Amino acid sequence: MRLHPVYRITVFVPPAQLGALKRGILAVDDLAAGGYAHGMWESAPGREQFRVQPGTASAAGQPGELVREATVRLEFCIPRDPVRLQRLLDEGIAAHHPWHSPAVFVEAVEFAAP
């Protein structure tokens, strides 16, 4: 096996919007890497919590309120290409995610594959 440099993108999304977010991401990029396309991982619903700060236009909750929402962890990888990554963040995630400030994490990691 060899190590391939990739970006691992993790985003948390409410379960009801998971399908729409996945379709939005795949409309921008087929996530092709290593002979496969549309590669994504979903983790069972968990909980996310946040307190809305004054002046924030939140999709859930009012200022000062502690909000607990069911979320699904969605992950996918792409080869390390900063232009491709930015397009996915802007046109795939931000444009199709229901939250004003989605929880998105990007890590530069190595993927072991033949």
PDB file of N, CA and C in Angstrom:
ATOM      1  N   MET A   1       0.848  -1.188   0.000  1.00  0.00           N
ATOM      2  CA  MET A   1       0.000   0.000   0.000  1.00  0.00           C
ATOM      3  C   MET A   1       0.884   1.239   0.000  1.00  0.00           C
ATOM      4  N   ARG A   2       0.334   2.285  -0.588  1.00  0.00           N
ATOM      5  CA  ARG A   2       1.036   3.564  -0.618  1.00  0.00           C
ATOM      6  C   ARG A   2       0.178   4.600   0.084  1.00  0.00           C
ATOM      7  N   LEU A   3       0.837   5.656   0.543  1.00  0.00           N
ATOM      8  CA  LEU A   3       0.109   6.769   1.154  1.00  0.00           C
ATOM      9  C   LEU A   3      -0.147   7.844   0.112  1.00  0.00           C
ATOM     10  N   HIS A   4      -1.390   8.328   0.074  1.00  0.00           N
ATOM     11  CA  HIS A   4      -1.796   9.363  -0.872  1.00  0.00           C
ATOM     12  C   HIS A   4      -2.236  10.585  -0.077  1.00  0.00           C
ATOM     13  N   PRO A   5      -1.701  11.762  -0.383  1.00  0.00           N
ATOM     14  CA  PRO A   5      -2.120  12.971   0.340  1.00  0.00           C
ATOM     15  C   PRO A   5      -3.534  13.388  -0.067  1.00  0.00           C
ATOM     16  N   VAL A   6      -4.412  13.532   0.917  1.00  0.00           N
ATOM     17  CA  VAL A   6      -5.800  13.915   0.673  1.00  0.00           C
ATOM     18  C   VAL A   6      -6.246  14.948   1.697  1.00  0.00           C
ATOM     19  N   TYR A   7      -7.343  15.614   1.368  1.00  0.00           N
ATOM     20  CA  TYR A   7      -8.084  16.402   2.349  1.00  0.00           C
ATOM     21  C   TYR A   7      -9.248  15.536   2.808  1.00  0.00           C
ATOM     22  N   ARG A   8      -9.419  15.430   4.128  1.00  0.00           N
ATOM     23  CA  ARG A   8     -10.611  14.792   4.678  1.00  0.00           C
ATOM     24  C   ARG A   8     -11.514  15.908   5.164  1.00  0.00           C
ATOM     25  N   ILE A   9     -12.706  15.975   4.587  1.00  0.00           N
ATOM     26  CA  ILE A   9     -13.676  17.017   4.927  1.00  0.00           C
ATOM     27  C   ILE A   9     -14.769  16.372   5.764  1.00  0.00           C
ATOM     28  N   THR A  10     -15.033  16.954   6.913  1.00  0.00           N
ATOM     29  CA  THR A  10     -16.080  16.477   7.818  1.00  0.00           C
ATOM     30  C   THR A  10     -17.068  17.608   8.003  1.00  0.00           C
ATOM     31  N   VAL A  11     -18.346  17.301   7.856  1.00  0.00           N
ATOM     32  CA  VAL A  11     -19.391  18.307   8.037  1.00  0.00           C
ATOM     33  C   VAL A  11     -20.535  17.669   8.815  1.00  0.00           C
ATOM     34  N   PHE A  12     -21.101  18.427   9.733  1.00  0.00           N
ATOM     35  CA  PHE A  12     -22.238  17.973  10.526  1.00  0.00           C
ATOM     36  C   PHE A  12     -23.502  18.627   9.977  1.00  0.00           C
ATOM     37  N   VAL A  13     -24.559  17.821   9.816  1.00  0.00           N
ATOM     38  CA  VAL A  13     -25.785  18.301   9.189  1.00  0.00           C
ATOM     39  C   VAL A  13     -26.988  17.617   9.845  1.00  0.00           C
ATOM     40  N   PRO A  14     -28.118  18.329   9.982  1.00  0.00           N
ATOM     41  CA  PRO A  14     -29.312  17.670  10.502  1.00  0.00           C
ATOM     42  C   PRO A  14     -29.723  16.507   9.593  1.00  0.00           C
ATOM     43  N   PRO A  15     -30.195  15.396  10.164  1.00  0.00           N
ATOM     44  CA  PRO A  15     -30.549  14.221   9.355  1.00  0.00           C
ATOM     45  C   PRO A  15     -31.521  14.516   8.213  1.00  0.00           C
ATOM     46  N   ALA A  16     -32.470  15.383   8.431  1.00  0.00           N
ATOM     47  CA  ALA A  16     -33.469  15.674   7.392  1.00  0.00           C
ATOM     48  C   ALA A  16     -32.858  16.365   6.172  1.00  0.00           C
ATOM     49  N   GLN A  17     -31.709  17.024   6.333  1.00  0.00           N
ATOM     50  CA  GLN A  17     -31.066  17.733   5.222  1.00  0.00           C
ATOM     51  C   GLN A  17     -29.862  16.997   4.646  1.00  0.00           C
ATOM     52  N   LEU A  18     -29.577  15.797   5.170  1.00  0.00           N
ATOM     53  CA  LEU A  18     -28.409  15.040   4.716  1.00  0.00           C
ATOM     54  C   LEU A  18     -28.459  14.757   3.215  1.00  0.00           C
ATOM     55  N   GLY A  19     -29.577  14.278   2.716  1.00  0.00           N
ATOM     56  CA  GLY A  19     -29.688  13.953   1.291  1.00  0.00           C
ATOM     57  C   GLY A  19     -29.471  15.151   0.395  1.00  0.00           C
ATOM     58  N   ALA A  20     -30.044  16.276   0.754  1.00  0.00           N
ATOM     59  CA  ALA A  20     -29.880  17.493  -0.053  1.00  0.00           C
ATOM     60  C   ALA A  20     -28.430  17.962  -0.054  1.00  0.00           C
ATOM     61  N   LEU A  21     -27.762  17.877   1.092  1.00  0.00           N
ATOM     62  CA  LEU A  21     -26.365  18.279   1.157  1.00  0.00           C
ATOM     63  C   LEU A  21     -25.504  17.360   0.309  1.00  0.00           C
ATOM     64  N   LYS A  22     -25.724  16.059   0.386  1.00  0.00           N
ATOM     65  CA  LYS A  22     -24.952  15.121  -0.424  1.00  0.00           C
ATOM     66  C   LYS A  22     -25.162  15.384  -1.911  1.00  0.00           C
ATOM     67  N   ARG A  23     -26.395  15.606  -2.320  1.00  0.00           N
ATOM     68  CA  ARG A  23     -26.666  15.907  -3.734  1.00  0.00           C
ATOM     69  C   ARG A  23     -25.967  17.199  -4.158  1.00  0.00           C
ATOM     70  N   GLY A  24     -25.980  18.212  -3.290  1.00  0.00           N
ATOM     71  CA  GLY A  24     -25.308  19.478  -3.595  1.00  0.00           C
ATOM     72  C   GLY A  24     -23.812  19.306  -3.754  1.00  0.00           C
ATOM     73  N   ILE A  25     -23.206  18.519  -2.872  1.00  0.00           N
ATOM     74  CA  ILE A  25     -21.761  18.259  -2.964  1.00  0.00           C
ATOM     75  C   ILE A  25     -21.444  17.520  -4.252  1.00  0.00           C
ATOM     76  N   LEU A  26     -22.201  16.469  -4.547  1.00  0.00           N
ATOM     77  CA  LEU A  26     -21.926  15.658  -5.739  1.00  0.00           C
ATOM     78  C   LEU A  26     -22.252  16.383  -7.038  1.00  0.00           C
ATOM     79  N   ALA A  27     -23.092  17.411  -6.984  1.00  0.00           N
ATOM     80  CA  ALA A  27     -23.354  18.219  -8.181  1.00  0.00           C
ATOM     81  C   ALA A  27     -22.139  19.074  -8.532  1.00  0.00           C
ATOM     82  N   VAL A  28     -21.317  19.365  -7.542  1.00  0.00           N
ATOM     83  CA  VAL A  28     -20.129  20.197  -7.735  1.00  0.00           C
ATOM     84  C   VAL A  28     -18.897  19.346  -8.045  1.00  0.00           C
ATOM     85  N   ASP A  29     -18.810  18.162  -7.431  1.00  0.00           N
ATOM     86  CA  ASP A  29     -17.619  17.321  -7.555  1.00  0.00           C
ATOM     87  C   ASP A  29     -18.043  15.868  -7.368  1.00  0.00           C
ATOM     88  N   ASP A  30     -17.593  14.981  -8.234  1.00  0.00           N
ATOM     89  CA  ASP A  30     -17.973  13.569  -8.097  1.00  0.00           C
ATOM     90  C   ASP A  30     -17.132  12.825  -7.063  1.00  0.00           C
ATOM     91  N   LEU A  31     -16.211  13.534  -6.402  1.00  0.00           N
ATOM     92  CA  LEU A  31     -15.354  12.972  -5.359  1.00  0.00           C
ATOM     93  C   LEU A  31     -14.536  11.790  -5.859  1.00  0.00           C
ATOM     94  N   ALA A  32     -14.139  11.849  -7.124  1.00  0.00           N
ATOM     95  CA  ALA A  32     -13.346  10.775  -7.710  1.00  0.00           C
ATOM     96  C   ALA A  32     -11.948  10.759  -7.113  1.00  0.00           C
ATOM     97  N   ALA A  33     -11.539   9.566  -6.691  1.00  0.00           N
ATOM     98  CA  ALA A  33     -10.192   9.352  -6.162  1.00  0.00           C
ATOM     99  C   ALA A  33      -9.927   7.859  -6.141  1.00  0.00           C
ATOM    100  N   GLY A  34      -8.763   7.459  -6.609  1.00  0.00           N
ATOM    101  CA  GLY A  34      -8.357   6.063  -6.512  1.00  0.00           C
ATOM    102  C   GLY A  34      -9.262   5.064  -7.205  1.00  0.00           C
ATOM    103  N   GLY A  35      -9.849   5.408  -8.326  1.00  0.00           N
ATOM    104  CA  GLY A  35     -10.682   4.467  -9.062  1.00  0.00           C
ATOM    105  C   GLY A  35     -12.127   4.404  -8.602  1.00  0.00           C
ATOM    106  N   TYR A  36     -12.520   5.264  -7.683  1.00  0.00           N
ATOM    107  CA  TYR A  36     -13.894   5.287  -7.180  1.00  0.00           C
ATOM    108  C   TYR A  36     -14.420   6.712  -7.240  1.00  0.00           C
ATOM    109  N   ALA A  37     -15.734   6.840  -7.194  1.00  0.00           N
ATOM    110  CA  ALA A  37     -16.369   8.151  -7.151  1.00  0.00           C
ATOM    111  C   ALA A  37     -17.521   8.093  -6.152  1.00  0.00           C
ATOM    112  N   HIS A  38     -17.976   9.245  -5.729  1.00  0.00           N
ATOM    113  CA  HIS A  38     -19.100   9.387  -4.795  1.00  0.00           C
ATOM    114  C   HIS A  38     -18.814   8.771  -3.426  1.00  0.00           C
ATOM    115  N   GLY A  39     -17.534   8.663  -3.053  1.00  0.00           N
ATOM    116  CA  GLY A  39     -17.171   8.068  -1.772  1.00  0.00           C
ATOM    117  C   GLY A  39     -17.484   8.996  -0.605  1.00  0.00           C
ATOM    118  N   MET A  40     -18.364   8.558   0.290  1.00  0.00           N
ATOM    119  CA  MET A  40     -18.741   9.338   1.474  1.00  0.00           C
ATOM    120  C   MET A  40     -18.978   8.380   2.630  1.00  0.00           C
ATOM    121  N   TRP A  41     -18.816   8.879   3.852  1.00  0.00           N
ATOM    122  CA  TRP A  41     -19.099   8.109   5.047  1.00  0.00           C
ATOM    123  C   TRP A  41     -20.091   8.890   5.889  1.00  0.00           C
ATOM    124  N   GLU A  42     -21.053   8.199   6.433  1.00  0.00           N
ATOM    125  CA  GLU A  42     -22.036   8.813   7.329  1.00  0.00           C
ATOM    126  C   GLU A  42     -21.962   8.120   8.673  1.00  0.00           C
ATOM    127  N   SER A  43     -22.018   8.885   9.738  1.00  0.00           N
ATOM    128  CA  SER A  43     -22.093   8.322  11.080  1.00  0.00           C
ATOM    129  C   SER A  43     -23.498   8.546  11.605  1.00  0.00           C
ATOM    130  N   ALA A  44     -23.959   7.611  12.412  1.00  0.00           N
ATOM    131  CA  ALA A  44     -25.314   7.669  12.961  1.00  0.00           C
ATOM    132  C   ALA A  44     -25.584   9.003  13.634  1.00  0.00           C
ATOM    133  N   PRO A  45     -26.839   9.418  13.666  1.00  0.00           N
ATOM    134  CA  PRO A  45     -27.155  10.700  14.293  1.00  0.00           C
ATOM    135  C   PRO A  45     -26.614  10.796  15.718  1.00  0.00           C
ATOM    136  N   GLY A  46     -26.063  11.947  15.994  1.00  0.00           N
ATOM    137  CA  GLY A  46     -25.588  12.294  17.326  1.00  0.00           C
ATOM    138  C   GLY A  46     -26.248  13.599  17.723  1.00  0.00           C
ATOM    139  N   ARG A  47     -25.653  14.321  18.619  1.00  0.00           N
ATOM    140  CA  ARG A  47     -26.200  15.611  19.055  1.00  0.00           C
ATOM    141  C   ARG A  47     -25.124  16.678  18.963  1.00  0.00           C
ATOM    142  N   GLU A  48     -25.539  17.830  18.544  1.00  0.00           N
ATOM    143  CA  GLU A  48     -24.677  19.010  18.529  1.00  0.00           C
ATOM    144  C   GLU A  48     -25.364  20.050  19.394  1.00  0.00           C
ATOM    145  N   GLN A  49     -24.575  20.832  20.093  1.00  0.00           N
ATOM    146  CA  GLN A  49     -25.194  21.893  20.882  1.00  0.00           C
ATOM    147  C   GLN A  49     -24.448  23.193  20.662  1.00  0.00           C
ATOM    148  N   PHE A  50     -25.186  24.296  20.798  1.00  0.00           N
ATOM    149  CA  PHE A  50     -24.605  25.634  20.669  1.00  0.00           C
ATOM    150  C   PHE A  50     -25.546  26.627  21.324  1.00  0.00           C
ATOM    151  N   ARG A  51     -24.988  27.756  21.723  1.00  0.00           N
ATOM    152  CA  ARG A  51     -25.779  28.853  22.262  1.00  0.00           C
ATOM    153  C   ARG A  51     -25.692  29.992  21.251  1.00  0.00           C
ATOM    154  N   VAL A  52     -26.842  30.449  20.806  1.00  0.00           N
ATOM    155  CA  VAL A  52     -26.906  31.511  19.813  1.00  0.00           C
ATOM    156  C   VAL A  52     -26.486  32.831  20.465  1.00  0.00           C
ATOM    157  N   GLN A  53     -25.517  33.496  19.881  1.00  0.00           N
ATOM    158  CA  GLN A  53     -25.032  34.776  20.394  1.00  0.00           C
ATOM    159  C   GLN A  53     -25.902  35.920  19.874  1.00  0.00           C
ATOM    160  N   PRO A  54     -26.035  36.985  20.655  1.00  0.00           N
ATOM    161  CA  PRO A  54     -26.812  38.145  20.189  1.00  0.00           C
ATOM    162  C   PRO A  54     -26.272  38.657  18.843  1.00  0.00           C
ATOM    163  N   GLY A  55     -27.176  39.012  17.970  1.00  0.00           N
ATOM    164  CA  GLY A  55     -26.798  39.537  16.659  1.00  0.00           C
ATOM    165  C   GLY A  55     -26.590  38.466  15.602  1.00  0.00           C
ATOM    166  N   THR A  56     -26.735  37.195  15.976  1.00  0.00           N
ATOM    167  CA  THR A  56     -26.554  36.103  15.020  1.00  0.00           C
ATOM    168  C   THR A  56     -27.899  35.702  14.440  1.00  0.00           C
ATOM    169  N   ALA A  57     -27.968  35.618  13.117  1.00  0.00           N
ATOM    170  CA  ALA A  57     -29.182  35.139  12.442  1.00  0.00           C
ATOM    171  C   ALA A  57     -29.070  33.625  12.347  1.00  0.00           C
ATOM    172  N   SER A  58     -29.586  32.918  13.336  1.00  0.00           N
ATOM    173  CA  SER A  58     -29.450  31.471  13.409  1.00  0.00           C
ATOM    174  C   SER A  58     -30.650  30.769  12.778  1.00  0.00           C
ATOM    175  N   ALA A  59     -30.382  29.639  12.113  1.00  0.00           N
ATOM    176  CA  ALA A  59     -31.449  28.822  11.536  1.00  0.00           C
ATOM    177  C   ALA A  59     -32.204  28.071  12.621  1.00  0.00           C
ATOM    178  N   ALA A  60     -31.612  27.959  13.801  1.00  0.00           N
ATOM    179  CA  ALA A  60     -32.253  27.261  14.923  1.00  0.00           C
ATOM    180  C   ALA A  60     -31.950  28.026  16.205  1.00  0.00           C
ATOM    181  N   GLY A  61     -32.963  28.294  16.983  1.00  0.00           N
ATOM    182  CA  GLY A  61     -32.769  28.922  18.276  1.00  0.00           C
ATOM    183  C   GLY A  61     -32.762  30.435  18.237  1.00  0.00           C
ATOM    184  N   GLN A  62     -32.934  31.005  19.416  1.00  0.00           N
ATOM    185  CA  GLN A  62     -32.957  32.454  19.605  1.00  0.00           C
ATOM    186  C   GLN A  62     -31.722  32.868  20.401  1.00  0.00           C
ATOM    187  N   PRO A  63     -31.311  34.138  20.311  1.00  0.00           N
ATOM    188  CA  PRO A  63     -30.151  34.602  21.088  1.00  0.00           C
ATOM    189  C   PRO A  63     -30.279  34.238  22.566  1.00  0.00           C
ATOM    190  N   GLY A  64     -29.202  33.683  23.107  1.00  0.00           N
ATOM    191  CA  GLY A  64     -29.155  33.286  24.500  1.00  0.00           C
ATOM    192  C   GLY A  64     -29.641  31.874  24.755  1.00  0.00           C
ATOM    193  N   GLU A  65     -30.330  31.276  23.798  1.00  0.00           N
ATOM    194  CA  GLU A  65     -30.894  29.939  23.971  1.00  0.00           C
ATOM    195  C   GLU A  65     -29.838  28.869  23.690  1.00  0.00           C
ATOM    196  N   LEU A  66     -29.790  27.838  24.544  1.00  0.00           N
ATOM    197  CA  LEU A  66     -28.943  26.682  24.297  1.00  0.00           C
ATOM    198  C   LEU A  66     -29.734  25.715  23.418  1.00  0.00           C
ATOM    199  N   VAL A  67     -29.213  25.432  22.249  1.00  0.00           N
ATOM    200  CA  VAL A  67     -29.889  24.588  21.268  1.00  0.00           C
ATOM    201  C   VAL A  67     -29.173  23.243  21.202  1.00  0.00           C
ATOM    202  N   ARG A  68     -29.938  22.183  21.210  1.00  0.00           N
ATOM    203  CA  ARG A  68     -29.414  20.830  21.011  1.00  0.00           C
ATOM    204  C   ARG A  68     -30.127  20.244  19.804  1.00  0.00           C
ATOM    205  N   GLU A  69     -29.347  19.908  18.799  1.00  0.00           N
ATOM    206  CA  GLU A  69     -29.902  19.424  17.533  1.00  0.00           C
ATOM    207  C   GLU A  69     -29.315  18.057  17.190  1.00  0.00           C
ATOM    208  N   ALA A  70     -30.135  17.194  16.629  1.00  0.00           N
ATOM    209  CA  ALA A  70     -29.631  15.936  16.071  1.00  0.00           C
ATOM    210  C   ALA A  70     -28.818  16.270  14.822  1.00  0.00           C
ATOM    211  N   THR A  71     -27.664  15.633  14.676  1.00  0.00           N
ATOM    212  CA  THR A  71     -26.831  15.839  13.492  1.00  0.00           C
ATOM    213  C   THR A  71     -26.233  14.511  13.047  1.00  0.00           C
ATOM    214  N   VAL A  72     -25.867  14.469  11.772  1.00  0.00           N
ATOM    215  CA  VAL A  72     -25.157  13.338  11.194  1.00  0.00           C
ATOM    216  C   VAL A  72     -23.779  13.846  10.792  1.00  0.00           C
ATOM    217  N   ARG A  73     -22.788  13.032  11.036  1.00  0.00           N
ATOM    218  CA  ARG A  73     -21.421  13.363  10.620  1.00  0.00           C
ATOM    219  C   ARG A  73     -21.221  12.797   9.215  1.00  0.00           C
ATOM    220  N   LEU A  74     -20.945  13.659   8.261  1.00  0.00           N
ATOM    221  CA  LEU A  74     -20.696  13.270   6.879  1.00  0.00           C
ATOM    222  C   LEU A  74     -19.232  13.563   6.580  1.00  0.00           C
ATOM    223  N   GLU A  75     -18.534  12.572   6.029  1.00  0.00           N
ATOM    224  CA  GLU A  75     -17.123  12.744   5.695  1.00  0.00           C
ATOM    225  C   GLU A  75     -16.864  12.280   4.271  1.00  0.00           C
ATOM    226  N   PHE A  76     -15.871  12.916   3.653  1.00  0.00           N
ATOM    227  CA  PHE A  76     -15.420  12.476   2.336  1.00  0.00           C
ATOM    228  C   PHE A  76     -14.004  12.973   2.137  1.00  0.00           C
ATOM    229  N   CYS A  77     -13.302  12.382   1.176  1.00  0.00           N
ATOM    230  CA  CYS A  77     -11.913  12.760   0.893  1.00  0.00           C
ATOM    231  C   CYS A  77     -11.764  13.138  -0.566  1.00  0.00           C
ATOM    232  N   ILE A  78     -10.824  14.034  -0.801  1.00  0.00           N
ATOM    233  CA  ILE A  78     -10.430  14.392  -2.170  1.00  0.00           C
ATOM    234  C   ILE A  78      -8.911  14.510  -2.186  1.00  0.00           C
ATOM    235  N   PRO A  79      -8.287  14.313  -3.338  1.00  0.00           N
ATOM    236  CA  PRO A  79      -6.859  14.573  -3.433  1.00  0.00           C
ATOM    237  C   PRO A  79      -6.578  16.029  -3.043  1.00  0.00           C
ATOM    238  N   ARG A  80      -5.402  16.277  -2.508  1.00  0.00           N
ATOM    239  CA  ARG A  80      -5.068  17.633  -2.044  1.00  0.00           C
ATOM    240  C   ARG A  80      -4.931  18.595  -3.228  1.00  0.00           C
ATOM    241  N   ASP A  81      -5.986  19.314  -3.448  1.00  0.00           N
ATOM    242  CA  ASP A  81      -6.065  20.329  -4.495  1.00  0.00           C
ATOM    243  C   ASP A  81      -6.815  21.506  -3.878  1.00  0.00           C
ATOM    244  N   PRO A  82      -6.114  22.588  -3.518  1.00  0.00           N
ATOM    245  CA  PRO A  82      -6.760  23.712  -2.835  1.00  0.00           C
ATOM    246  C   PRO A  82      -7.902  24.350  -3.630  1.00  0.00           C
ATOM    247  N   VAL A  83      -7.806  24.386  -4.955  1.00  0.00           N
ATOM    248  CA  VAL A  83      -8.866  24.973  -5.777  1.00  0.00           C
ATOM    249  C   VAL A  83     -10.116  24.091  -5.705  1.00  0.00           C
ATOM    250  N   ARG A  84      -9.922  22.808  -5.830  1.00  0.00           N
ATOM    251  CA  ARG A  84     -11.039  21.854  -5.739  1.00  0.00           C
ATOM    252  C   ARG A  84     -11.685  21.917  -4.349  1.00  0.00           C
ATOM    253  N   LEU A  85     -10.855  22.009  -3.316  1.00  0.00           N
ATOM    254  CA  LEU A  85     -11.362  22.100  -1.954  1.00  0.00           C
ATOM    255  C   LEU A  85     -12.213  23.352  -1.769  1.00  0.00           C
ATOM    256  N   GLN A  86     -11.730  24.497  -2.223  1.00  0.00           N
ATOM    257  CA  GLN A  86     -12.476  25.744  -2.042  1.00  0.00           C
ATOM    258  C   GLN A  86     -13.805  25.716  -2.780  1.00  0.00           C
ATOM    259  N   ARG A  87     -13.807  25.136  -3.964  1.00  0.00           N
ATOM    260  CA  ARG A  87     -15.058  25.018  -4.731  1.00  0.00           C
ATOM    261  C   ARG A  87     -16.071  24.143  -3.980  1.00  0.00           C
ATOM    262  N   LEU A  88     -15.600  23.039  -3.401  1.00  0.00           N
ATOM    263  CA  LEU A  88     -16.484  22.173  -2.619  1.00  0.00           C
ATOM    264  C   LEU A  88     -17.024  22.896  -1.395  1.00  0.00           C
ATOM    265  N   LEU A  89     -16.166  23.655  -0.715  1.00  0.00           N
ATOM    266  CA  LEU A  89     -16.607  24.381   0.469  1.00  0.00           C
ATOM    267  C   LEU A  89     -17.663  25.425   0.121  1.00  0.00           C
ATOM    268  N   ASP A  90     -17.416  26.197  -0.943  1.00  0.00           N
ATOM    269  CA  ASP A  90     -18.318  27.296  -1.309  1.00  0.00           C
ATOM    270  C   ASP A  90     -19.582  26.827  -2.034  1.00  0.00           C
ATOM    271  N   GLU A  91     -19.389  26.051  -3.094  1.00  0.00           N
ATOM    272  CA  GLU A  91     -20.510  25.683  -3.958  1.00  0.00           C
ATOM    273  C   GLU A  91     -21.197  24.377  -3.554  1.00  0.00           C
ATOM    274  N   GLY A  92     -20.474  23.516  -2.847  1.00  0.00           N
ATOM    275  CA  GLY A  92     -21.053  22.244  -2.458  1.00  0.00           C
ATOM    276  C   GLY A  92     -21.638  22.259  -1.059  1.00  0.00           C
ATOM    277  N   ILE A  93     -20.883  22.765  -0.085  1.00  0.00           N
ATOM    278  CA  ILE A  93     -21.347  22.732   1.302  1.00  0.00           C
ATOM    279  C   ILE A  93     -22.104  24.007   1.672  1.00  0.00           C
ATOM    280  N   ALA A  94     -21.451  25.157   1.599  1.00  0.00           N
ATOM    281  CA  ALA A  94     -22.094  26.407   2.044  1.00  0.00           C
ATOM    282  C   ALA A  94     -23.399  26.675   1.292  1.00  0.00           C
ATOM    283  N   ALA A  95     -23.420  26.377   0.010  1.00  0.00           N
ATOM    284  CA  ALA A  95     -24.612  26.662  -0.802  1.00  0.00           C
ATOM    285  C   ALA A  95     -25.770  25.700  -0.539  1.00  0.00           C
ATOM    286  N   HIS A  96     -25.509  24.547   0.084  1.00  0.00           N
ATOM    287  CA  HIS A  96     -26.551  23.545   0.268  1.00  0.00           C
ATOM    288  C   HIS A  96     -26.783  23.148   1.720  1.00  0.00           C
ATOM    289  N   HIS A  97     -26.083  23.781   2.623  1.00  0.00           N
ATOM    290  CA  HIS A  97     -26.234  23.457   4.046  1.00  0.00           C
ATOM    291  C   HIS A  97     -27.281  24.387   4.649  1.00  0.00           C
ATOM    292  N   PRO A  98     -28.155  23.875   5.527  1.00  0.00           N
ATOM    293  CA  PRO A  98     -29.221  24.715   6.078  1.00  0.00           C
ATOM    294  C   PRO A  98     -28.759  25.723   7.137  1.00  0.00           C
ATOM    295  N   TRP A  99     -27.567  25.576   7.661  1.00  0.00           N
ATOM    296  CA  TRP A  99     -27.108  26.463   8.732  1.00  0.00           C
ATOM    297  C   TRP A  99     -26.335  27.650   8.189  1.00  0.00           C
ATOM    298  N   HIS A 100     -26.422  28.755   8.894  1.00  0.00           N
ATOM    299  CA  HIS A 100     -25.686  29.977   8.551  1.00  0.00           C
ATOM    300  C   HIS A 100     -24.179  29.735   8.649  1.00  0.00           C
ATOM    301  N   SER A 101     -23.745  29.045   9.685  1.00  0.00           N
ATOM    302  CA  SER A 101     -22.327  28.723   9.891  1.00  0.00           C
ATOM    303  C   SER A 101     -22.194  27.220  10.125  1.00  0.00           C
ATOM    304  N   PRO A 102     -22.153  26.422   9.060  1.00  0.00           N
ATOM    305  CA  PRO A 102     -22.070  24.978   9.263  1.00  0.00           C
ATOM    306  C   PRO A 102     -20.753  24.580   9.929  1.00  0.00           C
ATOM    307  N   ALA A 103     -20.798  23.493  10.695  1.00  0.00           N
ATOM    308  CA  ALA A 103     -19.602  22.935  11.329  1.00  0.00           C
ATOM    309  C   ALA A 103     -18.877  22.084  10.288  1.00  0.00           C
ATOM    310  N   VAL A 104     -17.783  22.629   9.729  1.00  0.00           N
ATOM    311  CA  VAL A 104     -17.006  21.962   8.689  1.00  0.00           C
ATOM    312  C   VAL A 104     -15.554  21.919   9.141  1.00  0.00           C
ATOM    313  N   PHE A 105     -14.946  20.760   9.020  1.00  0.00           N
ATOM    314  CA  PHE A 105     -13.543  20.586   9.406  1.00  0.00           C
ATOM    315  C   PHE A 105     -12.782  19.993   8.232  1.00  0.00           C
ATOM    316  N   VAL A 106     -11.593  20.531   7.963  1.00  0.00           N
ATOM    317  CA  VAL A 106     -10.767  20.058   6.873  1.00  0.00           C
ATOM    318  C   VAL A 106      -9.415  19.657   7.460  1.00  0.00           C
ATOM    319  N   GLU A 107      -9.013  18.431   7.162  1.00  0.00           N
ATOM    320  CA  GLU A 107      -7.724  17.929   7.634  1.00  0.00           C
ATOM    321  C   GLU A 107      -6.891  17.479   6.446  1.00  0.00           C
ATOM    322  N   ALA A 108      -5.605  17.773   6.459  1.00  0.00           N
ATOM    323  CA  ALA A 108      -4.672  17.256   5.476  1.00  0.00           C
ATOM    324  C   ALA A 108      -4.109  15.961   6.050  1.00  0.00           C
ATOM    325  N   VAL A 109      -4.490  14.832   5.451  1.00  0.00           N
ATOM    326  CA  VAL A 109      -4.099  13.523   5.965  1.00  0.00           C
ATOM    327  C   VAL A 109      -3.572  12.653   4.821  1.00  0.00           C
ATOM    328  N   GLU A 110      -3.145  11.450   5.173  1.00  0.00           N
ATOM    329  CA  GLU A 110      -2.689  10.470   4.197  1.00  0.00           C
ATOM    330  C   GLU A 110      -3.698   9.327   4.148  1.00  0.00           C
ATOM    331  N   PHE A 111      -4.024   8.870   2.945  1.00  0.00           N
ATOM    332  CA  PHE A 111      -4.945   7.758   2.737  1.00  0.00           C
ATOM    333  C   PHE A 111      -4.125   6.581   2.206  1.00  0.00           C
ATOM    334  N   ALA A 112      -4.213   5.428   2.869  1.00  0.00           N
ATOM    335  CA  ALA A 112      -3.471   4.246   2.448  1.00  0.00           C
ATOM    336  C   ALA A 112      -4.281   3.467   1.422  1.00  0.00           C
ATOM    337  N   ALA A 113      -3.716   3.276   0.252  1.00  0.00           N
ATOM    338  CA  ALA A 113      -4.398   2.538  -0.819  1.00  0.00           C
ATOM    339  C   ALA A 113      -3.344   1.901  -1.724  1.00  0.00           C
ATOM    340  N   PRO A 114      -3.743   0.854  -2.445  1.00  0.00           N
ATOM    341  CA  PRO A 114      -2.792   0.205  -3.365  1.00  0.00           C
ATOM    342  C   PRO A 114      -2.284   1.150  -4.433  1.00  0.00           C
TER     343      PRO A 114
END
